[in-house]
Each structure stands twice: as structure tokens, then as C-alpha cells.
């Protein structure tokens, strides 16, 4: 595992919630851990990991996920598939 991938996961689980998570780095980290990601024409990403799925709204401008609700949703998803900084 790359140190960069762990840093991205730590950022997702940081308190207070980070609002500057780079989407491309997050995408690469999730794919490294086995996720399949399908990006739709409506700027949504369907992430499938360990037989569970989540749909995230992607940033329209810039490269960073900044919506706290989306990041919280992602955090809960990662906890449900047991992919946290403590479990890797």
C-alpha cells in the first residue's frame, strides 16, 4: 500500500471534516483497494467496493470534494466495508 493512499483515507476520517479531498487522488486510492468506479454523464460516481455501492456527487468546478454531507456519506460507506485507516 502506498503512503499516499493511507493519507487520503486519514483525511476522510479527520475531525473536523476535511473539505478539500482531491477527487482524482481519492479515486486512485479506492481503485487500489479494489473499488470499481463508474462516472456518469451527470457528474456522479458510482463506487462499488466489497459488494456494496455508493453514489457520490463529483465537484463541478475544481478537483476537490468539498461537500461535508458527501464526505460524511463516504466515511460511513468506508466504515461499512471495513476500510478505515485503522484496518489497512
N, C-alpha and C. Protein backbone atom coordinates (compact mmCIF):
# COMPACT_ATOMS: atom_id res chain seq x y z
N UNK A 1 0.83 -1.17 0.00
CA UNK A 1 0.00 0.00 0.00
C UNK A 1 0.88 1.24 0.00
N UNK A 2 0.45 2.18 -0.78
CA UNK A 2 1.16 3.45 -0.87
C UNK A 2 0.81 4.32 0.34
N UNK A 3 1.79 5.06 0.80
CA UNK A 3 1.56 6.01 1.89
C UNK A 3 0.52 7.05 1.48
N UNK A 4 0.52 7.41 0.20
CA UNK A 4 -0.43 8.40 -0.31
C UNK A 4 -1.88 7.92 -0.14
N UNK A 5 -2.11 6.64 -0.36
CA UNK A 5 -3.46 6.10 -0.22
C UNK A 5 -3.93 6.16 1.23
N UNK A 6 -3.04 5.86 2.14
CA UNK A 6 -3.41 5.93 3.56
C UNK A 6 -3.69 7.37 3.97
N UNK A 7 -2.91 8.32 3.46
CA UNK A 7 -3.12 9.73 3.79
C UNK A 7 -4.51 10.20 3.34
N UNK A 8 -4.93 9.75 2.15
CA UNK A 8 -6.27 10.12 1.66
C UNK A 8 -7.34 9.56 2.60
N UNK A 9 -7.21 8.30 3.02
CA UNK A 9 -8.19 7.72 3.94
C UNK A 9 -8.20 8.46 5.27
N UNK A 10 -7.02 8.81 5.77
CA UNK A 10 -6.95 9.56 7.03
C UNK A 10 -7.65 10.91 6.90
N UNK A 11 -7.54 11.53 5.74
CA UNK A 11 -8.18 12.82 5.51
C UNK A 11 -9.70 12.68 5.54
N UNK A 12 -10.22 11.58 5.00
CA UNK A 12 -11.67 11.34 5.01
C UNK A 12 -12.18 11.18 6.44
N UNK A 13 -11.38 10.55 7.29
CA UNK A 13 -11.81 10.29 8.66
C UNK A 13 -11.35 11.36 9.65
N UNK A 14 -10.79 12.45 9.15
CA UNK A 14 -10.29 13.52 10.02
C UNK A 14 -11.44 14.26 10.69
N UNK A 15 -11.15 14.80 11.86
CA UNK A 15 -12.10 15.66 12.59
C UNK A 15 -11.41 17.00 12.80
N UNK A 16 -11.96 18.11 12.44
CA UNK A 16 -13.24 18.26 11.76
C UNK A 16 -13.17 17.74 10.33
N UNK A 17 -14.32 17.62 9.70
CA UNK A 17 -14.40 17.05 8.36
C UNK A 17 -13.59 17.90 7.38
N UNK A 18 -12.71 17.23 6.65
CA UNK A 18 -11.91 17.91 5.63
C UNK A 18 -12.80 18.24 4.44
N UNK A 19 -12.62 19.42 3.89
CA UNK A 19 -13.42 19.82 2.73
C UNK A 19 -12.55 20.08 1.52
N UNK A 20 -11.40 19.45 1.48
CA UNK A 20 -10.50 19.65 0.35
C UNK A 20 -9.88 18.32 -0.09
N UNK A 21 -10.72 17.32 -0.30
CA UNK A 21 -10.24 16.00 -0.70
C UNK A 21 -10.20 15.94 -2.22
N UNK A 22 -9.02 15.76 -2.76
CA UNK A 22 -8.83 15.72 -4.20
C UNK A 22 -9.49 14.47 -4.77
N UNK A 23 -10.42 14.66 -5.70
CA UNK A 23 -11.18 13.55 -6.25
C UNK A 23 -10.30 12.54 -6.96
N UNK A 24 -9.36 12.98 -7.78
CA UNK A 24 -8.52 12.05 -8.54
C UNK A 24 -7.68 11.18 -7.60
N UNK A 25 -7.13 11.78 -6.56
CA UNK A 25 -6.34 11.01 -5.59
C UNK A 25 -7.22 10.00 -4.85
N UNK A 26 -8.44 10.45 -4.50
CA UNK A 26 -9.37 9.54 -3.83
C UNK A 26 -9.75 8.40 -4.76
N UNK A 27 -10.00 8.71 -6.02
CA UNK A 27 -10.36 7.68 -6.99
C UNK A 27 -9.25 6.64 -7.11
N UNK A 28 -8.01 7.08 -7.21
CA UNK A 28 -6.88 6.15 -7.32
C UNK A 28 -6.75 5.30 -6.06
N UNK A 29 -6.94 5.90 -4.90
CA UNK A 29 -6.84 5.15 -3.65
C UNK A 29 -7.93 4.09 -3.56
N UNK A 30 -9.17 4.47 -3.90
CA UNK A 30 -10.26 3.49 -3.84
C UNK A 30 -10.04 2.35 -4.83
N UNK A 31 -9.57 2.68 -6.03
CA UNK A 31 -9.28 1.63 -7.01
C UNK A 31 -8.15 0.73 -6.53
N UNK A 32 -7.18 1.29 -5.83
CA UNK A 32 -6.09 0.49 -5.27
C UNK A 32 -6.63 -0.55 -4.29
N UNK A 33 -7.67 -0.19 -3.53
CA UNK A 33 -8.25 -1.10 -2.56
C UNK A 33 -9.33 -1.99 -3.16
N UNK A 34 -9.49 -1.96 -4.48
CA UNK A 34 -10.38 -2.89 -5.16
C UNK A 34 -11.72 -2.34 -5.60
N UNK A 35 -11.92 -1.06 -5.49
CA UNK A 35 -13.20 -0.47 -5.89
C UNK A 35 -13.32 -0.38 -7.40
N UNK A 36 -14.55 -0.55 -7.87
CA UNK A 36 -14.87 -0.28 -9.27
C UNK A 36 -15.62 1.04 -9.28
N UNK A 37 -15.19 1.96 -10.12
CA UNK A 37 -15.79 3.29 -10.15
C UNK A 37 -16.28 3.58 -11.56
N UNK A 38 -17.57 3.95 -11.64
CA UNK A 38 -18.18 4.30 -12.91
C UNK A 38 -18.67 5.74 -12.80
N UNK A 39 -18.16 6.62 -13.67
CA UNK A 39 -18.54 8.02 -13.64
C UNK A 39 -19.58 8.26 -14.74
N UNK A 40 -20.72 8.81 -14.34
CA UNK A 40 -21.81 9.03 -15.28
C UNK A 40 -21.68 10.39 -15.96
N UNK A 41 -22.52 10.58 -16.95
CA UNK A 41 -22.52 11.86 -17.66
C UNK A 41 -23.14 12.97 -16.81
N UNK A 42 -23.81 12.62 -15.73
CA UNK A 42 -24.40 13.62 -14.84
C UNK A 42 -23.47 13.99 -13.70
N UNK A 43 -22.19 13.66 -13.85
CA UNK A 43 -21.14 14.01 -12.88
C UNK A 43 -21.35 13.34 -11.53
N UNK A 44 -21.72 12.08 -11.59
CA UNK A 44 -21.85 11.27 -10.38
C UNK A 44 -20.95 10.06 -10.53
N UNK A 45 -20.40 9.62 -9.41
CA UNK A 45 -19.53 8.45 -9.41
C UNK A 45 -20.19 7.34 -8.61
N UNK A 46 -20.37 6.19 -9.26
CA UNK A 46 -20.89 5.01 -8.56
C UNK A 46 -19.67 4.18 -8.17
N UNK A 47 -19.51 3.99 -6.87
CA UNK A 47 -18.38 3.25 -6.33
C UNK A 47 -18.89 1.93 -5.79
N UNK A 48 -18.32 0.84 -6.28
CA UNK A 48 -18.67 -0.49 -5.80
C UNK A 48 -17.43 -1.09 -5.16
N UNK A 49 -17.59 -1.44 -3.88
CA UNK A 49 -16.46 -2.00 -3.13
C UNK A 49 -17.00 -3.06 -2.18
N UNK A 50 -16.45 -4.24 -2.27
CA UNK A 50 -16.82 -5.36 -1.40
C UNK A 50 -18.34 -5.59 -1.39
N UNK A 51 -18.90 -5.62 -2.61
CA UNK A 51 -20.31 -5.91 -2.84
C UNK A 51 -21.27 -4.86 -2.28
N UNK A 52 -20.76 -3.69 -1.95
CA UNK A 52 -21.61 -2.58 -1.54
C UNK A 52 -21.39 -1.42 -2.49
N UNK A 53 -22.34 -0.51 -2.52
CA UNK A 53 -22.27 0.56 -3.51
C UNK A 53 -22.68 1.89 -2.90
N UNK A 54 -22.07 2.95 -3.42
CA UNK A 54 -22.39 4.31 -3.02
C UNK A 54 -22.33 5.19 -4.28
N UNK A 55 -23.16 6.22 -4.32
CA UNK A 55 -23.13 7.17 -5.42
C UNK A 55 -22.73 8.53 -4.83
N UNK A 56 -21.67 9.11 -5.38
CA UNK A 56 -21.17 10.40 -4.91
C UNK A 56 -21.33 11.45 -5.98
N UNK A 57 -21.70 12.64 -5.56
CA UNK A 57 -21.72 13.77 -6.48
C UNK A 57 -20.31 14.32 -6.60
N UNK A 58 -19.85 14.50 -7.82
CA UNK A 58 -18.49 14.97 -8.04
C UNK A 58 -18.45 16.49 -8.13
N UNK A 59 -17.28 17.07 -7.89
CA UNK A 59 -17.17 18.53 -7.97
C UNK A 59 -17.39 19.03 -9.39
N UNK A 60 -18.16 20.09 -9.53
CA UNK A 60 -18.42 20.67 -10.84
C UNK A 60 -17.28 21.58 -11.27
N UNK A 61 -16.72 22.28 -10.32
CA UNK A 61 -15.60 23.18 -10.61
C UNK A 61 -14.46 22.79 -9.70
N UNK A 62 -13.28 22.73 -10.25
CA UNK A 62 -12.14 22.34 -9.43
C UNK A 62 -12.03 20.83 -9.34
N UNK A 63 -11.20 20.39 -8.44
CA UNK A 63 -10.88 18.97 -8.35
C UNK A 63 -11.19 18.38 -6.99
N UNK A 64 -11.74 19.17 -6.07
CA UNK A 64 -11.86 18.70 -4.70
C UNK A 64 -13.30 18.47 -4.29
N UNK A 65 -13.50 17.39 -3.52
CA UNK A 65 -14.79 17.17 -2.87
C UNK A 65 -14.85 18.13 -1.69
N UNK A 66 -15.86 18.97 -1.66
CA UNK A 66 -15.95 19.97 -0.60
C UNK A 66 -17.26 19.90 0.16
N UNK A 67 -18.18 19.05 -0.25
CA UNK A 67 -19.48 18.94 0.40
C UNK A 67 -19.35 18.03 1.62
N UNK A 68 -19.58 18.59 2.79
CA UNK A 68 -19.42 17.82 4.03
C UNK A 68 -20.38 16.63 4.09
N UNK A 69 -21.58 16.79 3.54
CA UNK A 69 -22.53 15.67 3.55
C UNK A 69 -22.02 14.51 2.70
N UNK A 70 -21.44 14.82 1.55
CA UNK A 70 -20.89 13.76 0.68
C UNK A 70 -19.71 13.06 1.36
N UNK A 71 -18.87 13.82 2.03
CA UNK A 71 -17.71 13.25 2.70
C UNK A 71 -18.16 12.39 3.89
N UNK A 72 -19.17 12.84 4.61
CA UNK A 72 -19.72 12.04 5.71
C UNK A 72 -20.33 10.75 5.18
N UNK A 73 -21.05 10.84 4.07
CA UNK A 73 -21.64 9.66 3.43
C UNK A 73 -20.53 8.68 3.03
N UNK A 74 -19.45 9.20 2.46
CA UNK A 74 -18.32 8.36 2.06
C UNK A 74 -17.69 7.71 3.29
N UNK A 75 -17.53 8.48 4.35
CA UNK A 75 -16.94 7.95 5.59
C UNK A 75 -17.76 6.77 6.11
N UNK A 76 -19.08 6.91 6.15
CA UNK A 76 -19.94 5.83 6.63
C UNK A 76 -19.87 4.61 5.70
N UNK A 77 -19.79 4.86 4.41
CA UNK A 77 -19.65 3.76 3.45
C UNK A 77 -18.35 3.00 3.70
N UNK A 78 -17.25 3.72 3.86
CA UNK A 78 -15.96 3.07 4.08
C UNK A 78 -15.95 2.30 5.40
N UNK A 79 -16.61 2.83 6.41
CA UNK A 79 -16.72 2.09 7.67
C UNK A 79 -17.51 0.80 7.48
N UNK A 80 -18.56 0.84 6.65
CA UNK A 80 -19.40 -0.35 6.45
C UNK A 80 -18.66 -1.45 5.69
N UNK A 81 -17.68 -1.06 4.85
CA UNK A 81 -16.90 -2.08 4.12
C UNK A 81 -15.56 -2.34 4.82
N UNK A 82 -15.43 -1.80 6.03
CA UNK A 82 -14.25 -2.00 6.87
C UNK A 82 -12.96 -1.55 6.20
N UNK A 83 -13.02 -0.37 5.61
CA UNK A 83 -11.82 0.24 5.01
C UNK A 83 -11.60 1.58 5.69
N UNK A 84 -10.86 1.52 6.80
CA UNK A 84 -10.55 2.70 7.59
C UNK A 84 -9.03 2.76 7.77
N UNK A 85 -8.51 3.90 8.20
CA UNK A 85 -7.05 3.96 8.42
C UNK A 85 -6.56 2.91 9.43
N UNK A 86 -7.41 2.52 10.36
CA UNK A 86 -7.02 1.53 11.36
C UNK A 86 -7.02 0.09 10.81
N UNK A 87 -7.80 -0.16 9.77
CA UNK A 87 -7.93 -1.53 9.26
C UNK A 87 -7.01 -1.86 8.10
N UNK A 88 -6.28 -0.86 7.62
CA UNK A 88 -5.38 -1.16 6.50
C UNK A 88 -3.95 -1.31 6.95
